[in-house]
Amino acid sequence: MLSLRGSIKGVEAWDPERLAQHAICGNCGHTGHLLVDCAFPDDSGFISGCPVCNTKLHNANDCLRVQPLSPRDLVSFIIVRRGNKPPLRCRDPWGPLPWTIAFTRDMIKGTERDKVWLEHHYFAGDYQTLPEDSTTGSDIDGAAANDDLLSQCHKLNKDID
């Protein structure tokens, strides 16, 4: 049975100051971080689930709590908090900074050492310790000018070439 002790849901789930040892990630189930900050991708290279509710029961696109968020808040958890980490699974393109799907999949197929999420230590600003995807980089302006990033969104299996 899953313990709800340490379960954090709602906008408090993506407050960077809430990286407490008792927090339980809604994506990987490990303690010490939340889904919004998780670096442990699924086999397709995404982080599946809702970063606001800290759950895999639904994605951000389907969350009623995400709809009223400001563009600034959306940028915070879709782009800034995902810097140098796998992207969130969503139907809308996410733009620059998180890893591209191809970069994440290459690491999934690589050696244990390539799977940086296995030994990752979570803390505010942790993205600086993870590998940078040269396609997205850490330069927001440069990445925003890369039109190829506009296609980085989840596609249904029937829509994949």
N, C-alpha and C. Protein backbone atom coordinates (compact mmCIF):
# COMPACT_ATOMS: atom_id res chain seq x y z
N MET A 1 0.84 -1.17 0.00
CA MET A 1 0.00 0.00 0.00
C MET A 1 0.89 1.24 0.00
N LEU A 2 0.55 2.23 -0.82
CA LEU A 2 1.31 3.46 -0.94
C LEU A 2 1.04 4.37 0.24
N SER A 3 2.08 4.84 0.85
CA SER A 3 1.95 5.77 1.98
C SER A 3 1.76 7.18 1.47
N LEU A 4 0.78 7.89 2.03
CA LEU A 4 0.56 9.27 1.65
C LEU A 4 1.31 10.22 2.57
N ARG A 5 1.99 9.69 3.56
CA ARG A 5 2.80 10.53 4.42
C ARG A 5 3.91 11.13 3.56
N GLY A 6 4.04 12.42 3.59
CA GLY A 6 5.04 13.07 2.75
C GLY A 6 4.50 13.45 1.39
N SER A 7 3.25 13.09 1.10
CA SER A 7 2.64 13.44 -0.17
C SER A 7 2.36 14.94 -0.19
N ILE A 8 2.78 15.60 -1.26
CA ILE A 8 2.57 17.04 -1.40
C ILE A 8 1.86 17.26 -2.72
N LYS A 9 0.78 18.01 -2.69
CA LYS A 9 0.00 18.25 -3.91
C LYS A 9 -0.31 19.74 -4.02
N GLY A 10 -0.63 20.20 -5.24
CA GLY A 10 -1.00 21.58 -5.47
C GLY A 10 0.21 22.44 -5.77
N VAL A 11 -0.02 23.76 -5.86
CA VAL A 11 1.07 24.65 -6.23
C VAL A 11 2.23 24.57 -5.25
N GLU A 12 1.96 24.13 -4.01
CA GLU A 12 3.06 23.95 -3.06
C GLU A 12 4.01 22.86 -3.52
N ALA A 13 3.56 22.00 -4.44
CA ALA A 13 4.40 20.91 -4.93
C ALA A 13 5.56 21.42 -5.77
N TRP A 14 5.47 22.63 -6.28
CA TRP A 14 6.60 23.09 -7.09
C TRP A 14 7.30 24.31 -6.51
N ASP A 15 7.17 24.48 -5.21
CA ASP A 15 7.93 25.49 -4.49
C ASP A 15 9.34 24.92 -4.27
N PRO A 16 10.39 25.55 -4.84
CA PRO A 16 11.74 24.98 -4.73
C PRO A 16 12.23 24.85 -3.29
N GLU A 17 11.63 25.56 -2.37
CA GLU A 17 12.04 25.46 -0.98
C GLU A 17 11.47 24.21 -0.30
N ARG A 18 10.61 23.45 -1.01
CA ARG A 18 9.97 22.28 -0.42
C ARG A 18 10.75 21.00 -0.70
N LEU A 19 12.02 21.12 -1.05
CA LEU A 19 12.83 19.94 -1.33
C LEU A 19 13.27 19.31 -0.02
N ALA A 20 12.30 18.84 0.73
CA ALA A 20 12.57 18.25 2.04
C ALA A 20 12.84 16.76 1.90
N GLN A 21 13.55 16.20 2.86
CA GLN A 21 13.87 14.78 2.82
C GLN A 21 12.63 13.91 2.82
N HIS A 22 11.52 14.37 3.38
CA HIS A 22 10.32 13.54 3.48
C HIS A 22 9.44 13.63 2.23
N ALA A 23 9.74 14.53 1.30
CA ALA A 23 8.93 14.66 0.08
C ALA A 23 9.07 13.38 -0.75
N ILE A 24 7.96 12.94 -1.34
CA ILE A 24 7.97 11.74 -2.18
C ILE A 24 7.60 12.13 -3.60
N CYS A 25 8.43 11.78 -4.56
CA CYS A 25 8.20 12.13 -5.96
C CYS A 25 7.03 11.32 -6.53
N GLY A 26 6.10 12.02 -7.16
CA GLY A 26 4.96 11.38 -7.81
C GLY A 26 5.34 10.65 -9.08
N ASN A 27 6.55 10.85 -9.60
CA ASN A 27 6.99 10.17 -10.81
C ASN A 27 7.75 8.89 -10.47
N CYS A 28 8.87 9.02 -9.78
CA CYS A 28 9.75 7.86 -9.55
C CYS A 28 9.54 7.20 -8.19
N GLY A 29 8.86 7.89 -7.26
CA GLY A 29 8.60 7.32 -5.94
C GLY A 29 9.73 7.49 -4.95
N HIS A 30 10.84 8.09 -5.37
CA HIS A 30 11.96 8.31 -4.46
C HIS A 30 11.68 9.50 -3.55
N THR A 31 12.38 9.56 -2.44
CA THR A 31 12.19 10.66 -1.50
C THR A 31 13.21 11.77 -1.76
N GLY A 32 12.90 12.96 -1.26
CA GLY A 32 13.83 14.08 -1.34
C GLY A 32 13.59 15.04 -2.48
N HIS A 33 12.62 14.75 -3.34
CA HIS A 33 12.27 15.67 -4.42
C HIS A 33 10.84 15.38 -4.86
N LEU A 34 10.33 16.23 -5.75
CA LEU A 34 8.97 16.10 -6.26
C LEU A 34 9.01 15.92 -7.77
N LEU A 35 7.88 15.53 -8.35
CA LEU A 35 7.79 15.28 -9.79
C LEU A 35 8.28 16.48 -10.60
N VAL A 36 7.96 17.68 -10.20
CA VAL A 36 8.35 18.87 -10.95
C VAL A 36 9.87 18.96 -11.14
N ASP A 37 10.64 18.38 -10.24
CA ASP A 37 12.10 18.43 -10.31
C ASP A 37 12.73 17.10 -10.71
N CYS A 38 11.93 16.07 -10.93
CA CYS A 38 12.45 14.73 -11.16
C CYS A 38 13.27 14.65 -12.45
N ALA A 39 14.36 13.91 -12.40
CA ALA A 39 15.23 13.71 -13.56
C ALA A 39 15.17 12.27 -14.07
N PHE A 40 14.20 11.46 -13.61
CA PHE A 40 14.12 10.04 -13.94
C PHE A 40 13.08 9.84 -15.04
N PRO A 41 13.51 9.73 -16.32
CA PRO A 41 12.55 9.65 -17.43
C PRO A 41 11.92 8.27 -17.57
N ASP A 42 10.78 8.24 -18.27
CA ASP A 42 10.21 6.95 -18.65
C ASP A 42 10.95 6.47 -19.89
N ASP A 43 10.57 5.31 -20.42
CA ASP A 43 11.28 4.73 -21.56
C ASP A 43 11.21 5.58 -22.82
N SER A 44 10.22 6.47 -22.91
CA SER A 44 10.10 7.32 -24.09
C SER A 44 10.89 8.61 -23.95
N GLY A 45 11.49 8.86 -22.79
CA GLY A 45 12.32 10.04 -22.60
C GLY A 45 11.62 11.20 -21.92
N PHE A 46 10.41 11.00 -21.44
CA PHE A 46 9.64 12.06 -20.79
C PHE A 46 9.53 11.83 -19.29
N ILE A 47 9.09 12.87 -18.59
CA ILE A 47 8.61 12.76 -17.22
C ILE A 47 7.09 12.81 -17.35
N SER A 48 6.43 11.73 -17.02
CA SER A 48 4.97 11.66 -17.14
C SER A 48 4.33 12.04 -15.82
N GLY A 49 3.24 12.77 -15.89
CA GLY A 49 2.52 13.15 -14.68
C GLY A 49 2.30 14.64 -14.60
N CYS A 50 1.69 15.05 -13.51
CA CYS A 50 1.36 16.46 -13.30
C CYS A 50 2.32 17.07 -12.27
N PRO A 51 3.08 18.09 -12.68
CA PRO A 51 4.02 18.72 -11.75
C PRO A 51 3.33 19.57 -10.68
N VAL A 52 2.10 19.95 -10.90
CA VAL A 52 1.37 20.73 -9.90
C VAL A 52 0.81 19.82 -8.82
N CYS A 53 0.26 18.68 -9.22
CA CYS A 53 -0.36 17.75 -8.26
C CYS A 53 0.62 16.68 -7.76
N ASN A 54 1.82 16.61 -8.34
CA ASN A 54 2.82 15.62 -7.93
C ASN A 54 2.27 14.20 -8.05
N THR A 55 1.66 13.91 -9.21
CA THR A 55 1.04 12.61 -9.42
C THR A 55 1.20 12.17 -10.87
N LYS A 56 1.16 10.84 -11.09
CA LYS A 56 1.16 10.28 -12.44
C LYS A 56 -0.25 9.94 -12.91
N LEU A 57 -1.25 10.28 -12.10
CA LEU A 57 -2.63 9.95 -12.46
C LEU A 57 -3.13 10.77 -13.64
N HIS A 58 -2.52 11.91 -13.90
CA HIS A 58 -2.87 12.73 -15.06
C HIS A 58 -1.67 13.61 -15.41
N ASN A 59 -1.68 14.17 -16.62
CA ASN A 59 -0.63 15.08 -17.05
C ASN A 59 -1.09 16.52 -16.86
N ALA A 60 -0.16 17.45 -16.97
CA ALA A 60 -0.48 18.86 -16.77
C ALA A 60 -1.55 19.34 -17.74
N ASN A 61 -1.56 18.82 -18.98
CA ASN A 61 -2.57 19.24 -19.95
C ASN A 61 -3.99 18.95 -19.48
N ASP A 62 -4.16 17.93 -18.66
CA ASP A 62 -5.48 17.51 -18.22
C ASP A 62 -5.82 17.99 -16.81
N CYS A 63 -4.98 18.83 -16.23
CA CYS A 63 -5.16 19.24 -14.84
C CYS A 63 -5.93 20.56 -14.74
N LEU A 64 -7.02 20.54 -13.99
CA LEU A 64 -7.81 21.76 -13.78
C LEU A 64 -7.04 22.79 -12.96
N ARG A 65 -6.08 22.35 -12.17
CA ARG A 65 -5.31 23.29 -11.34
C ARG A 65 -4.25 24.02 -12.16
N VAL A 66 -3.91 23.50 -13.33
CA VAL A 66 -2.90 24.14 -14.17
C VAL A 66 -3.52 25.28 -14.98
N GLN A 67 -4.76 25.11 -15.42
CA GLN A 67 -5.40 26.08 -16.32
C GLN A 67 -5.37 27.52 -15.82
N PRO A 68 -5.62 27.80 -14.53
CA PRO A 68 -5.62 29.20 -14.09
C PRO A 68 -4.23 29.78 -13.80
N LEU A 69 -3.17 28.99 -13.96
CA LEU A 69 -1.83 29.49 -13.65
C LEU A 69 -1.41 30.58 -14.64
N SER A 70 -0.61 31.50 -14.17
CA SER A 70 -0.10 32.58 -15.01
C SER A 70 0.95 32.05 -15.97
N PRO A 71 1.18 32.75 -17.08
CA PRO A 71 2.26 32.34 -17.99
C PRO A 71 3.61 32.25 -17.27
N ARG A 72 3.85 33.13 -16.31
CA ARG A 72 5.12 33.10 -15.56
C ARG A 72 5.25 31.79 -14.78
N ASP A 73 4.15 31.36 -14.13
CA ASP A 73 4.18 30.10 -13.40
C ASP A 73 4.38 28.91 -14.34
N LEU A 74 3.72 28.95 -15.50
CA LEU A 74 3.87 27.87 -16.47
C LEU A 74 5.32 27.77 -16.95
N VAL A 75 5.93 28.90 -17.26
CA VAL A 75 7.33 28.91 -17.68
C VAL A 75 8.21 28.35 -16.57
N SER A 76 7.88 28.68 -15.33
CA SER A 76 8.68 28.20 -14.20
C SER A 76 8.72 26.69 -14.15
N PHE A 77 7.56 26.02 -14.21
CA PHE A 77 7.62 24.57 -14.04
C PHE A 77 7.78 23.79 -15.33
N ILE A 78 7.50 24.37 -16.49
CA ILE A 78 7.68 23.63 -17.74
C ILE A 78 9.08 23.83 -18.31
N ILE A 79 9.66 25.01 -18.11
CA ILE A 79 10.95 25.30 -18.72
C ILE A 79 12.06 25.48 -17.68
N VAL A 80 11.93 26.46 -16.80
CA VAL A 80 13.03 26.78 -15.89
C VAL A 80 13.36 25.62 -14.96
N ARG A 81 12.37 25.06 -14.29
CA ARG A 81 12.61 23.96 -13.35
C ARG A 81 13.04 22.68 -14.07
N ARG A 82 12.81 22.59 -15.37
CA ARG A 82 13.18 21.40 -16.13
C ARG A 82 14.54 21.57 -16.81
N GLY A 83 15.24 22.66 -16.57
CA GLY A 83 16.54 22.89 -17.20
C GLY A 83 17.47 21.71 -17.00
N ASN A 84 18.09 21.23 -18.08
CA ASN A 84 19.02 20.09 -18.08
C ASN A 84 18.39 18.83 -17.50
N LYS A 85 17.10 18.66 -17.71
CA LYS A 85 16.38 17.46 -17.26
C LYS A 85 15.45 17.02 -18.40
N PRO A 86 14.93 15.80 -18.34
CA PRO A 86 13.98 15.36 -19.36
C PRO A 86 12.74 16.26 -19.35
N PRO A 87 12.10 16.42 -20.51
CA PRO A 87 10.91 17.27 -20.58
C PRO A 87 9.69 16.58 -19.96
N LEU A 88 8.74 17.41 -19.54
CA LEU A 88 7.45 16.89 -19.09
C LEU A 88 6.67 16.42 -20.30
N ARG A 89 5.93 15.34 -20.14
CA ARG A 89 5.06 14.87 -21.22
C ARG A 89 3.89 15.84 -21.32
N CYS A 90 3.77 16.51 -22.46
CA CYS A 90 2.65 17.42 -22.66
C CYS A 90 2.33 17.49 -24.15
N ARG A 91 1.11 17.91 -24.45
CA ARG A 91 0.69 17.98 -25.85
C ARG A 91 1.17 19.24 -26.54
N ASP A 92 1.51 20.26 -25.76
CA ASP A 92 1.95 21.53 -26.34
C ASP A 92 3.48 21.59 -26.31
N PRO A 93 4.10 22.20 -27.34
CA PRO A 93 5.55 22.33 -27.33
C PRO A 93 6.02 23.10 -26.10
N TRP A 94 7.14 22.70 -25.54
CA TRP A 94 7.62 23.33 -24.32
C TRP A 94 8.73 24.33 -24.55
N GLY A 95 9.31 24.34 -25.73
CA GLY A 95 10.35 25.33 -26.01
C GLY A 95 11.70 24.96 -25.45
N PRO A 96 12.52 25.93 -25.08
CA PRO A 96 13.92 25.69 -24.75
C PRO A 96 14.18 25.18 -23.33
N LEU A 97 15.37 24.75 -23.13
CA LEU A 97 16.03 24.40 -21.87
C LEU A 97 15.91 22.96 -21.40
N PRO A 98 14.75 22.35 -21.22
CA PRO A 98 14.81 20.93 -20.86
C PRO A 98 15.48 20.14 -21.98
N TRP A 99 15.91 18.93 -21.66
CA TRP A 99 16.55 18.10 -22.67
C TRP A 99 15.58 17.79 -23.80
N THR A 100 16.12 17.62 -25.00
CA THR A 100 15.30 17.13 -26.10
C THR A 100 15.03 15.65 -25.87
N ILE A 101 14.01 15.15 -26.52
CA ILE A 101 13.66 13.74 -26.38
C ILE A 101 14.81 12.86 -26.87
N ALA A 102 15.43 13.24 -27.98
CA ALA A 102 16.54 12.45 -28.53
C ALA A 102 17.71 12.37 -27.54
N PHE A 103 18.05 13.47 -26.90
CA PHE A 103 19.13 13.50 -25.91
C PHE A 103 18.81 12.57 -24.75
N THR A 104 17.58 12.63 -24.26
CA THR A 104 17.17 11.78 -23.15
C THR A 104 17.19 10.31 -23.54
N ARG A 105 16.68 10.00 -24.72
CA ARG A 105 16.66 8.60 -25.18
C ARG A 105 18.06 8.04 -25.36
N ASP A 106 18.99 8.88 -25.83
CA ASP A 106 20.38 8.42 -25.95
C ASP A 106 20.94 8.02 -24.59
N MET A 107 20.61 8.78 -23.55
CA MET A 107 21.08 8.44 -22.21
C MET A 107 20.40 7.17 -21.71
N ILE A 108 19.11 7.00 -22.01
CA ILE A 108 18.39 5.79 -21.60
C ILE A 108 19.06 4.55 -22.20
N LYS A 109 19.47 4.65 -23.46
CA LYS A 109 20.09 3.52 -24.16
C LYS A 109 21.56 3.34 -23.79
N GLY A 110 22.14 4.30 -23.09
CA GLY A 110 23.57 4.27 -22.76
C GLY A 110 23.89 3.38 -21.58
N THR A 111 25.06 3.58 -21.05
CA THR A 111 25.54 2.80 -19.91
C THR A 111 24.88 3.30 -18.63
N GLU A 112 25.09 2.58 -17.54
CA GLU A 112 24.57 3.01 -16.24
C GLU A 112 25.09 4.40 -15.89
N ARG A 113 26.33 4.67 -16.24
CA ARG A 113 26.92 5.99 -15.95
C ARG A 113 26.20 7.11 -16.69
N ASP A 114 25.66 6.82 -17.89
CA ASP A 114 24.93 7.81 -18.66
C ASP A 114 23.60 8.18 -18.01
N LYS A 115 23.06 7.29 -17.20
CA LYS A 115 21.75 7.49 -16.57
C LYS A 115 21.91 8.31 -15.30
N VAL A 116 22.14 9.60 -15.50
CA VAL A 116 22.49 10.50 -14.39
C VAL A 116 21.40 10.59 -13.32
N TRP A 117 20.17 10.28 -13.67
CA TRP A 117 19.06 10.36 -12.71
C TRP A 117 19.17 9.30 -11.62
N LEU A 118 19.96 8.25 -11.86
CA LEU A 118 20.09 7.19 -10.86
C LEU A 118 20.84 7.65 -9.62
N GLU A 119 21.77 8.57 -9.78
CA GLU A 119 22.59 9.05 -8.66
C GLU A 119 22.39 10.55 -8.39
N HIS A 120 21.36 11.14 -8.99
CA HIS A 120 21.16 12.59 -8.88
C HIS A 120 20.73 13.00 -7.47
N HIS A 121 21.33 14.06 -6.95
CA HIS A 121 20.96 14.62 -5.64
C HIS A 121 20.18 15.91 -5.90
N TYR A 122 18.98 15.99 -5.38
CA TYR A 122 18.07 17.10 -5.64
C TYR A 122 18.27 18.25 -4.66
N PHE A 123 18.32 19.45 -5.19
CA PHE A 123 18.38 20.67 -4.39
C PHE A 123 18.03 21.83 -5.32
N ALA A 124 17.67 22.98 -4.76
CA ALA A 124 17.35 24.15 -5.58
C ALA A 124 18.57 24.49 -6.44
N GLY A 125 18.36 24.65 -7.74
CA GLY A 125 19.46 24.93 -8.66
C GLY A 125 20.20 23.70 -9.12
N ASP A 126 19.63 22.52 -8.86
CA ASP A 126 20.30 21.26 -9.19
C ASP A 126 20.55 21.06 -10.67
N TYR A 127 19.83 21.76 -11.52
CA TYR A 127 20.00 21.59 -12.96
C TYR A 127 21.44 21.90 -13.40
N GLN A 128 22.15 22.69 -12.62
CA GLN A 128 23.52 23.05 -12.99
C GLN A 128 24.48 21.87 -12.87
N THR A 129 24.08 20.81 -12.16
CA THR A 129 24.95 19.65 -11.99
C THR A 129 24.67 18.55 -13.02
N LEU A 130 23.63 18.72 -13.82
CA LEU A 130 23.24 17.72 -14.81
C LEU A 130 23.79 18.08 -16.19
N PRO A 131 23.93 17.10 -17.08
CA PRO A 131 24.47 17.40 -18.40
C PRO A 131 23.56 18.35 -19.18
N GLU A 132 24.19 19.17 -19.98
CA GLU A 132 23.46 20.13 -20.81
C GLU A 132 23.26 19.53 -22.19
N ASP A 133 22.05 19.62 -22.70
CA ASP A 133 21.75 19.19 -24.06
C ASP A 133 22.19 20.32 -24.99
N SER A 134 23.11 20.04 -25.89
CA SER A 134 23.64 21.10 -26.76
C SER A 134 22.57 21.70 -27.67
N THR A 135 21.49 20.96 -27.91
CA THR A 135 20.42 21.48 -28.76
C THR A 135 19.64 22.58 -28.04
N THR A 136 19.37 22.38 -26.76
CA THR A 136 18.63 23.40 -26.01
C THR A 136 19.57 24.33 -25.27
N GLY A 137 20.70 23.83 -24.78
CA GLY A 137 21.66 24.65 -24.08
C GLY A 137 21.09 25.28 -22.83
N SER A 138 21.79 26.27 -22.31
CA SER A 138 21.31 26.98 -21.13
C SER A 138 21.03 28.43 -21.46
N ASP A 139 21.23 28.81 -22.72
CA ASP A 139 20.97 30.18 -23.16
C ASP A 139 19.53 30.28 -23.65
N ILE A 140 18.68 30.92 -22.89
CA ILE A 140 17.26 31.00 -23.23
C ILE A 140 17.05 31.64 -24.58
N ASP A 141 17.74 32.74 -24.87
CA ASP A 141 17.54 33.44 -26.14
C ASP A 141 17.97 32.58 -27.32
N GLY A 142 19.12 31.91 -27.18
CA GLY A 142 19.59 31.05 -28.26
C GLY A 142 18.68 29.87 -28.49
N ALA A 143 18.24 29.26 -27.42
CA ALA A 143 17.34 28.12 -27.54
C ALA A 143 15.99 28.54 -28.10
N ALA A 144 15.51 29.70 -27.70
CA ALA A 144 14.21 30.18 -28.18
C ALA A 144 14.24 30.44 -29.68
N ALA A 145 15.42 30.74 -30.23
CA ALA A 145 15.54 30.99 -31.66
C ALA A 145 15.62 29.69 -32.47
N ASN A 146 15.72 28.54 -31.81
CA ASN A 146 15.83 27.25 -32.48
C ASN A 146 14.44 26.71 -32.79
N ASP A 147 13.98 26.89 -34.03
CA ASP A 147 12.63 26.47 -34.41
C ASP A 147 12.40 24.97 -34.28
N ASP A 148 13.46 24.17 -34.33
CA ASP A 148 13.30 22.72 -34.20
C ASP A 148 12.73 22.34 -32.83
N LEU A 149 12.93 23.18 -31.84
CA LEU A 149 12.44 22.87 -30.49
C LEU A 149 10.92 22.97 -30.40
N LEU A 150 10.29 23.63 -31.36
CA LEU A 150 8.83 23.76 -31.32
C LEU A 150 8.14 22.42 -31.52
N SER A 151 8.85 21.43 -32.04
CA SER A 151 8.24 20.11 -32.25
C SER A 151 8.44 19.17 -31.07
N GLN A 152 9.06 19.63 -29.99
CA GLN A 152 9.36 18.79 -28.84
C GLN A 152 8.14 18.66 -27.93
N CYS A 153 7.18 17.87 -28.35
CA CYS A 153 6.02 17.59 -27.52
C CYS A 153 5.65 16.13 -27.69
N HIS A 154 4.89 15.61 -26.75
CA HIS A 154 4.49 14.21 -26.78
C HIS A 154 3.57 13.96 -27.96
N LYS A 155 3.86 12.90 -28.70
CA LYS A 155 2.99 12.49 -29.80
C LYS A 155 2.43 11.12 -29.46
N LEU A 156 1.18 10.91 -29.79
CA LEU A 156 0.59 9.59 -29.59
C LEU A 156 1.31 8.59 -30.48
N ASN A 157 1.38 7.34 -30.07
CA ASN A 157 2.09 6.32 -30.85
C ASN A 157 1.62 6.28 -32.30
N LYS A 158 0.33 6.49 -32.53
CA LYS A 158 -0.20 6.43 -33.90
C LYS A 158 0.29 7.59 -34.76
N ASP A 159 0.80 8.68 -34.11
CA ASP A 159 1.26 9.85 -34.84
C ASP A 159 2.76 9.87 -35.08
N ILE A 160 3.48 8.87 -34.56
CA ILE A 160 4.94 8.84 -34.71
C ILE A 160 5.29 8.18 -36.03
N ASP A 161 6.22 8.81 -36.75
CA ASP A 161 6.64 8.27 -38.06
C ASP A 161 7.33 6.95 -37.92
